[in-house]
C-alpha atoms as a PDB file:
ATOM      1  CA  MET A   1      32.721 -56.901   0.701  1.00  0.00           C
ATOM      2  CA  THR A   2      31.026 -53.525   0.157  1.00  0.00           C
ATOM      3  CA  THR A   3      28.718 -51.882   2.602  1.00  0.00           C
ATOM      4  CA  VAL A   4      27.242 -49.195   0.316  1.00  0.00           C
ATOM      5  CA  PRO A   5      23.650 -49.694   0.032  1.00  0.00           C
ATOM      6  CA  ASP A   6      22.153 -50.428  -3.490  1.00  0.00           C
ATOM      7  CA  ALA A   7      19.970 -47.146  -3.174  1.00  0.00           C
ATOM      8  CA  GLU A   8      23.156 -45.049  -2.953  1.00  0.00           C
ATOM      9  CA  ARG A   9      25.214 -46.985  -5.623  1.00  0.00           C
ATOM     10  CA  THR A  10      22.211 -46.478  -8.059  1.00  0.00           C
ATOM     11  CA  GLN A  11      21.614 -43.043  -7.176  1.00  0.00           C
ATOM     12  CA  PRO A  12      21.738 -41.162 -10.335  1.00  0.00           C
ATOM     13  CA  VAL A  13      24.347 -38.397 -10.516  1.00  0.00           C
ATOM     14  CA  PRO A  14      22.814 -34.927 -11.071  1.00  0.00           C
ATOM     15  CA  THR A  15      23.261 -33.188 -14.277  1.00  0.00           C
ATOM     16  CA  PHE A  16      25.221 -29.909 -14.767  1.00  0.00           C
ATOM     17  CA  LYS A  17      22.045 -27.982 -15.208  1.00  0.00           C
ATOM     18  CA  GLN A  18      20.523 -29.623 -12.031  1.00  0.00           C
ATOM     19  CA  ALA A  19      23.597 -28.961 -10.057  1.00  0.00           C
ATOM     20  CA  ARG A  20      23.564 -25.313 -11.106  1.00  0.00           C
ATOM     21  CA  SER A  21      20.170 -25.017 -10.195  1.00  0.00           C
ATOM     22  CA  HIS A  22      20.608 -26.383  -6.903  1.00  0.00           C
ATOM     23  CA  VAL A  23      23.516 -23.882  -5.962  1.00  0.00           C
ATOM     24  CA  THR A  24      21.367 -20.965  -7.169  1.00  0.00           C
ATOM     25  CA  SER A  25      18.462 -22.342  -4.955  1.00  0.00           C
ATOM     26  CA  GLU A  26      20.805 -22.631  -1.957  1.00  0.00           C
ATOM     27  CA  GLN A  27      22.253 -19.173  -2.647  1.00  0.00           C
ATOM     28  CA  THR A  28      18.775 -17.619  -2.744  1.00  0.00           C
ATOM     29  CA  ARG A  29      17.844 -19.396   0.419  1.00  0.00           C
ATOM     30  CA  ARG A  30      21.050 -18.004   2.179  1.00  0.00           C
ATOM     31  CA  LEU A  31      21.106 -14.265   0.424  1.00  0.00           C
ATOM     32  CA  GLY A  32      17.495 -13.969  -0.648  1.00  0.00           C
ATOM     33  CA  GLY A  33      16.502 -11.633   2.231  1.00  0.00           C
ATOM     34  CA  ILE A  34      15.891  -7.786   1.806  1.00  0.00           C
ATOM     35  CA  ARG A  35      18.929  -5.801   1.161  1.00  0.00           C
ATOM     36  CA  TRP A  36      17.823  -2.308   2.638  1.00  0.00           C
ATOM     37  CA  GLY A  37      20.998  -0.569   1.408  1.00  0.00           C
ATOM     38  CA  SER A  38      20.352  -1.693  -2.160  1.00  0.00           C
ATOM     39  CA  ALA A  39      16.699  -0.717  -1.799  1.00  0.00           C
ATOM     40  CA  PHE A  40      17.571   2.616  -0.646  1.00  0.00           C
ATOM     41  CA  PHE A  41      19.947   3.390  -3.651  1.00  0.00           C
ATOM     42  CA  GLY A  42      17.077   1.972  -5.877  1.00  0.00           C
ATOM     43  CA  TRP A  43      14.765   4.453  -4.370  1.00  0.00           C
ATOM     44  CA  VAL A  44      16.962   7.346  -5.081  1.00  0.00           C
ATOM     45  CA  ALA A  45      17.256   6.262  -8.498  1.00  0.00           C
ATOM     46  CA  ALA A  46      13.328   6.024  -8.618  1.00  0.00           C
ATOM     47  CA  MET A  47      12.875   9.586  -7.217  1.00  0.00           C
ATOM     48  CA  GLY A  48      15.608  10.923  -9.626  1.00  0.00           C
ATOM     49  CA  MET A  49      13.825   9.303 -12.721  1.00  0.00           C
ATOM     50  CA  VAL A  50      10.451  10.432 -11.488  1.00  0.00           C
ATOM     51  CA  THR A  51      11.818  14.240 -11.437  1.00  0.00           C
ATOM     52  CA  LEU A  52      13.551  14.017 -14.702  1.00  0.00           C
ATOM     53  CA  LEU A  53      10.683  12.499 -16.547  1.00  0.00           C
ATOM     54  CA  SER A  54       8.534  14.944 -14.823  1.00  0.00           C
ATOM     55  CA  ALA A  55      10.486  18.054 -15.943  1.00  0.00           C
ATOM     56  CA  LEU A  56      10.844  16.752 -19.241  1.00  0.00           C
ATOM     57  CA  LEU A  57       7.213  16.056 -19.671  1.00  0.00           C
ATOM     58  CA  THR A  58       6.428  19.619 -18.318  1.00  0.00           C
ATOM     59  CA  ALA A  59       9.016  21.428 -20.614  1.00  0.00           C
ATOM     60  CA  ALA A  60       7.568  19.502 -23.508  1.00  0.00           C
ATOM     61  CA  GLY A  61       3.967  20.435 -22.880  1.00  0.00           C
ATOM     62  CA  ALA A  62       4.883  23.914 -22.147  1.00  0.00           C
ATOM     63  CA  ALA A  63       7.056  24.140 -25.478  1.00  0.00           C
ATOM     64  CA  LEU A  64       4.011  22.328 -27.565  1.00  0.00           C
ATOM     65  CA  GLY A  65       1.172  24.612 -25.695  1.00  0.00           C
ATOM     66  CA  LEU A  66      -0.254  21.549 -24.040  1.00  0.00           C
ATOM     67  CA  VAL A  67       0.033  23.132 -20.453  1.00  0.00           C
ATOM     68  CA  PRO A  68      -1.797  26.614 -20.263  1.00  0.00           C
ATOM     69  CA  PRO A  69      -0.676  28.976 -17.673  1.00  0.00           C
ATOM     70  CA  THR A  70      -4.060  29.202 -16.015  1.00  0.00           C
ATOM     71  CA  VAL A  71      -6.538  26.307 -15.671  1.00  0.00           C
ATOM     72  CA  ASP A  72     -10.337  26.810 -15.412  1.00  0.00           C
ATOM     73  CA  ALA A  73     -12.985  24.112 -14.335  1.00  0.00           C
ATOM     74  CA  THR A  74     -13.666  23.225 -18.075  1.00  0.00           C
ATOM     75  CA  THR A  75      -9.838  22.921 -18.925  1.00  0.00           C
ATOM     76  CA  LEU A  76      -9.183  21.079 -15.886  1.00  0.00           C
ATOM     77  CA  GLN A  77     -11.831  18.471 -16.426  1.00  0.00           C
ATOM     78  CA  THR A  78     -10.601  17.976 -19.873  1.00  0.00           C
ATOM     79  CA  MET A  79      -6.856  17.474 -19.315  1.00  0.00           C
ATOM     80  CA  GLY A  80      -7.621  15.781 -15.840  1.00  0.00           C
ATOM     81  CA  VAL A  81      -7.759  12.160 -17.284  1.00  0.00           C
ATOM     82  CA  ALA A  82      -4.901  12.743 -19.692  1.00  0.00           C
ATOM     83  CA  GLY A  83      -2.588  14.419 -17.116  1.00  0.00           C
ATOM     84  CA  ALA A  84      -3.489  11.744 -14.441  1.00  0.00           C
ATOM     85  CA  ALA A  85      -2.372   8.717 -16.751  1.00  0.00           C
ATOM     86  CA  ALA A  86       0.699  10.873 -17.911  1.00  0.00           C
ATOM     87  CA  MET A  87       1.646  11.111 -14.524  1.00  0.00           C
ATOM     88  CA  LEU A  88       0.950   7.397 -13.460  1.00  0.00           C
ATOM     89  CA  ALA A  89       3.078   6.391 -16.332  1.00  0.00           C
ATOM     90  CA  ILE A  90       6.166   8.325 -15.294  1.00  0.00           C
ATOM     91  CA  ILE A  91       5.869   7.088 -11.827  1.00  0.00           C
ATOM     92  CA  PHE A  92       5.852   3.437 -13.088  1.00  0.00           C
ATOM     93  CA  VAL A  93       8.846   3.867 -15.279  1.00  0.00           C
ATOM     94  CA  GLY A  94      10.654   5.777 -12.496  1.00  0.00           C
ATOM     95  CA  PHE A  95       9.955   2.864 -10.000  1.00  0.00           C
ATOM     96  CA  TYR A  96      10.776   0.307 -12.754  1.00  0.00           C
ATOM     97  CA  CYS A  97      14.234   1.969 -12.808  1.00  0.00           C
ATOM     98  CA  GLY A  98      14.525   2.113  -9.003  1.00  0.00           C
ATOM     99  CA  GLY A  99      13.494  -1.595  -8.511  1.00  0.00           C
ATOM    100  CA  TYR A 100      15.796  -2.676 -11.220  1.00  0.00           C
ATOM    101  CA  VAL A 101      18.673  -0.950  -9.555  1.00  0.00           C
ATOM    102  CA  ALA A 102      17.778  -2.727  -6.209  1.00  0.00           C
ATOM    103  CA  GLY A 103      17.491  -6.042  -8.079  1.00  0.00           C
ATOM    104  CA  ARG A 104      20.934  -5.488  -9.871  1.00  0.00           C
ATOM    105  CA  MET A 105      22.611  -4.712  -6.592  1.00  0.00           C
ATOM    106  CA  ALA A 106      20.978  -7.444  -4.364  1.00  0.00           C
ATOM    107  CA  ARG A 107      21.016  -9.997  -7.156  1.00  0.00           C
ATOM    108  CA  PHE A 108      18.673 -12.195  -5.392  1.00  0.00           C
ATOM    109  CA  ALA A 109      15.050 -11.958  -4.524  1.00  0.00           C
ATOM    110  CA  GLY A 110      14.236  -9.149  -7.160  1.00  0.00           C
ATOM    111  CA  ALA A 111      10.463  -8.736  -6.001  1.00  0.00           C
ATOM    112  CA  ARG A 112      11.329  -8.239  -2.269  1.00  0.00           C
ATOM    113  CA  GLN A 113      13.793  -5.605  -3.309  1.00  0.00           C
ATOM    114  CA  GLY A 114      11.032  -4.019  -5.358  1.00  0.00           C
ATOM    115  CA  VAL A 115       8.849  -4.273  -2.249  1.00  0.00           C
ATOM    116  CA  ALA A 116      11.848  -2.555  -0.437  1.00  0.00           C
ATOM    117  CA  VAL A 117      12.150   0.267  -2.505  1.00  0.00           C
ATOM    118  CA  TRP A 118       8.396   1.001  -2.127  1.00  0.00           C
ATOM    119  CA  LEU A 119       8.530   0.887   1.638  1.00  0.00           C
ATOM    120  CA  TRP A 120      11.511   3.278   1.409  1.00  0.00           C
ATOM    121  CA  THR A 121       9.106   5.880  -0.303  1.00  0.00           C
ATOM    122  CA  LEU A 122       6.383   5.336   2.268  1.00  0.00           C
ATOM    123  CA  PHE A 123       9.171   5.803   5.070  1.00  0.00           C
ATOM    124  CA  VAL A 124      10.564   8.949   3.537  1.00  0.00           C
ATOM    125  CA  ALA A 125       7.026  10.353   2.892  1.00  0.00           C
ATOM    126  CA  VAL A 126       5.961   9.596   6.337  1.00  0.00           C
ATOM    127  CA  ILE A 127       9.025  11.124   7.757  1.00  0.00           C
ATOM    128  CA  GLY A 128       8.820  14.247   5.418  1.00  0.00           C
ATOM    129  CA  ALA A 129       5.091  14.599   6.628  1.00  0.00           C
ATOM    130  CA  VAL A 130       5.692  14.624  10.200  1.00  0.00           C
ATOM    131  CA  VAL A 131       8.782  16.955   9.899  1.00  0.00           C
ATOM    132  CA  ALA A 132       6.544  19.486   7.899  1.00  0.00           C
ATOM    133  CA  THR A 133       3.571  19.271  10.324  1.00  0.00           C
ATOM    134  CA  LEU A 134       5.863  19.653  13.233  1.00  0.00           C
ATOM    135  CA  SER A 135       7.319  22.771  11.338  1.00  0.00           C
ATOM    136  CA  GLY A 136       4.086  24.207  10.046  1.00  0.00           C
ATOM    137  CA  ALA A 137       5.618  24.413   6.636  1.00  0.00           C
ATOM    138  CA  VAL A 138       2.648  22.822   5.018  1.00  0.00           C
ATOM    139  CA  THR A 139      -1.206  22.340   5.882  1.00  0.00           C
ATOM    140  CA  GLY A 140      -2.305  19.582   3.567  1.00  0.00           C
ATOM    141  CA  PRO A 141      -0.999  17.206   0.952  1.00  0.00           C
ATOM    142  CA  ARG A 142      -0.087  19.054  -2.546  1.00  0.00           C
ATOM    143  CA  LEU A 143       0.360  16.493  -5.128  1.00  0.00           C
ATOM    144  CA  ASP A 144       0.226  19.151  -7.987  1.00  0.00           C
ATOM    145  CA  GLU A 145       3.156  20.818  -6.553  1.00  0.00           C
ATOM    146  CA  LEU A 146       4.884  17.492  -6.203  1.00  0.00           C
ATOM    147  CA  PHE A 147       4.300  16.379  -9.795  1.00  0.00           C
ATOM    148  CA  ARG A 148       4.292  20.014 -11.267  1.00  0.00           C
ATOM    149  CA  LEU A 149       0.963  19.679 -12.649  1.00  0.00           C
ATOM    150  CA  PRO A 150      -1.406  22.754 -12.862  1.00  0.00           C
ATOM    151  CA  LEU A 151      -4.225  20.950 -10.773  1.00  0.00           C
ATOM    152  CA  ASN A 152      -4.757  23.962  -8.371  1.00  0.00           C
ATOM    153  CA  GLY A 153      -8.238  23.790  -6.766  1.00  0.00           C
ATOM    154  CA  GLY A 154      -8.812  20.309  -8.588  1.00  0.00           C
ATOM    155  CA  LEU A 155      -7.766  17.880  -5.742  1.00  0.00           C
ATOM    156  CA  MET A 156      -8.654  19.960  -2.793  1.00  0.00           C
ATOM    157  CA  ASN A 157     -12.417  21.003  -1.888  1.00  0.00           C
ATOM    158  CA  GLY A 158     -12.660  23.215   1.132  1.00  0.00           C
ATOM    159  CA  GLY A 159      -9.433  21.645   2.841  1.00  0.00           C
ATOM    160  CA  VAL A 160     -10.872  18.054   2.265  1.00  0.00           C
ATOM    161  CA  ILE A 161      -9.332  15.832  -0.286  1.00  0.00           C
ATOM    162  CA  SER A 162     -11.869  14.884  -3.276  1.00  0.00           C
ATOM    163  CA  ALA A 163     -12.670  11.444  -4.376  1.00  0.00           C
ATOM    164  CA  GLY A 164     -10.644  11.811  -7.479  1.00  0.00           C
ATOM    165  CA  ALA A 165      -7.458  12.868  -5.313  1.00  0.00           C
ATOM    166  CA  ALA A 166      -8.203   9.811  -3.144  1.00  0.00           C
ATOM    167  CA  ALA A 167      -8.495   7.526  -6.447  1.00  0.00           C
ATOM    168  CA  LEU A 168      -5.224   9.068  -7.596  1.00  0.00           C
ATOM    169  CA  ALA A 169      -3.309   8.520  -4.198  1.00  0.00           C
ATOM    170  CA  VAL A 170      -4.397   4.815  -4.126  1.00  0.00           C
ATOM    171  CA  GLY A 171      -3.332   4.722  -8.044  1.00  0.00           C
ATOM    172  CA  VAL A 172      -0.032   6.095  -7.223  1.00  0.00           C
ATOM    173  CA  LEU A 173       0.416   3.558  -4.537  1.00  0.00           C
ATOM    174  CA  VAL A 174      -0.402   0.585  -6.929  1.00  0.00           C
ATOM    175  CA  VAL A 175       1.533   1.814  -9.564  1.00  0.00           C
ATOM    176  CA  THR A 176       4.820   2.455  -7.478  1.00  0.00           C
ATOM    177  CA  LEU A 177       4.493  -0.806  -5.825  1.00  0.00           C
ATOM    178  CA  LEU A 178       4.173  -2.794  -9.142  1.00  0.00           C
ATOM    179  CA  GLY A 179       6.818  -0.722 -10.987  1.00  0.00           C
ATOM    180  CA  ALA A 180       9.546  -1.454  -8.207  1.00  0.00           C
ATOM    181  CA  VAL A 181       8.472  -5.240  -8.145  1.00  0.00           C
ATOM    182  CA  PHE A 182       8.585  -5.745 -11.945  1.00  0.00           C
ATOM    183  CA  GLY A 183      11.946  -3.685 -11.916  1.00  0.00           C
ATOM    184  CA  GLY A 184      13.315  -5.778  -9.243  1.00  0.00           C
ATOM    185  CA  LEU A 185      12.548  -9.065 -10.825  1.00  0.00           C
ATOM    186  CA  ALA A 186      14.272  -7.668 -14.194  1.00  0.00           C
ATOM    187  CA  GLY A 187      17.043  -6.840 -12.283  1.00  0.00           C
ATOM    188  CA  MET A 188      17.516 -10.297 -10.751  1.00  0.00           C
ATOM    189  CA  ARG A 189      16.944 -11.997 -13.983  1.00  0.00           C
ATOM    190  CA  TYR A 190      20.105 -10.166 -15.394  1.00  0.00           C
ATOM    191  CA  HIS A 191      22.065 -12.137 -12.851  1.00  0.00           C
ATOM    192  CA  ARG A 192      20.303 -15.493 -13.730  1.00  0.00           C
ATOM    193  CA  ARG A 193      21.245 -14.753 -17.422  1.00  0.00           C
ATOM    194  CA  ILE A 194      24.909 -14.294 -16.579  1.00  0.00           C
ATOM    195  CA  ASP A 195      24.861 -17.629 -14.412  1.00  0.00           C
ATOM    196  CA  ARG A 196      23.492 -19.435 -17.494  1.00  0.00           C
ATOM    197  CA  ASP A 197      25.700 -17.825 -20.016  1.00  0.00           C
ATOM    198  CA  LEU A 198      29.183 -17.410 -18.547  1.00  0.00           C
ATOM    199  CA  VAL A 199      29.324 -20.763 -16.499  1.00  0.00           C
ATOM    200  CA  ALA A 200      30.466 -23.533 -18.861  1.00  0.00           C
ATOM    201  CA  PRO A 201      29.545 -27.186 -18.041  1.00  0.00           C
ATOM    202  CA  PRO A 202      32.262 -29.496 -17.080  1.00  0.00           C
ATOM    203  CA  ALA A 203      33.902 -31.605 -19.483  1.00  0.00           C
ATOM    204  CA  ALA A 204      32.431 -34.870 -18.068  1.00  0.00           C
ATOM    205  CA  ASP A 205      29.240 -33.597 -19.296  1.00  0.00           C
ATOM    206  CA  SER A 206      30.100 -32.858 -22.979  1.00  0.00           C
ATOM    207  CA  PRO A 207      29.536 -35.280 -25.860  1.00  0.00           C
ATOM    208  CA  THR A 208      32.591 -37.497 -26.570  1.00  0.00           C
ATOM    209  CA  GLY A 209      33.456 -37.473 -30.379  1.00  0.00           C
END
């Protein structure tokens, strides 16, 4: 006489899709934490892309005569919005690439890896500011030199950051975070596609002819 309860005998057997989803969820639970090493290399990729794209944009602008050698107040006001938009677009693309690298390397929790790339950026920026302050190398933030835009005199006003510069700094923080998170999610989805496409269902789940 069997002692197996009726509930266990009638419990449905999970399909291959359900079993695969369960395995992925379990792997995410165990391995879904932040991978700081992957995030670091994502940050390196982001910085490299931002530098490369900034150089290409500056060279293209100079070649086409879009970036004058000197900028007066009228010209600065005219090109300020376009320059800021171009800079934010470059930063978004660069950090998207960095988040993608981190998400691909870590495989799980792409959004968390993107946030980690962003945190690496803040960490390095703080360390750089502390070192620069202690060494006396700089006296204030110079976003124009960082992104190679001819905005001298527009961001600083008597040593005090202007409202436009503050808004630009906030925009940079938001854009870098969003770009890194979206890139991390894209890098993670690559592995989910691999899991779906390369793993064939067992023969038992295949229809019989």
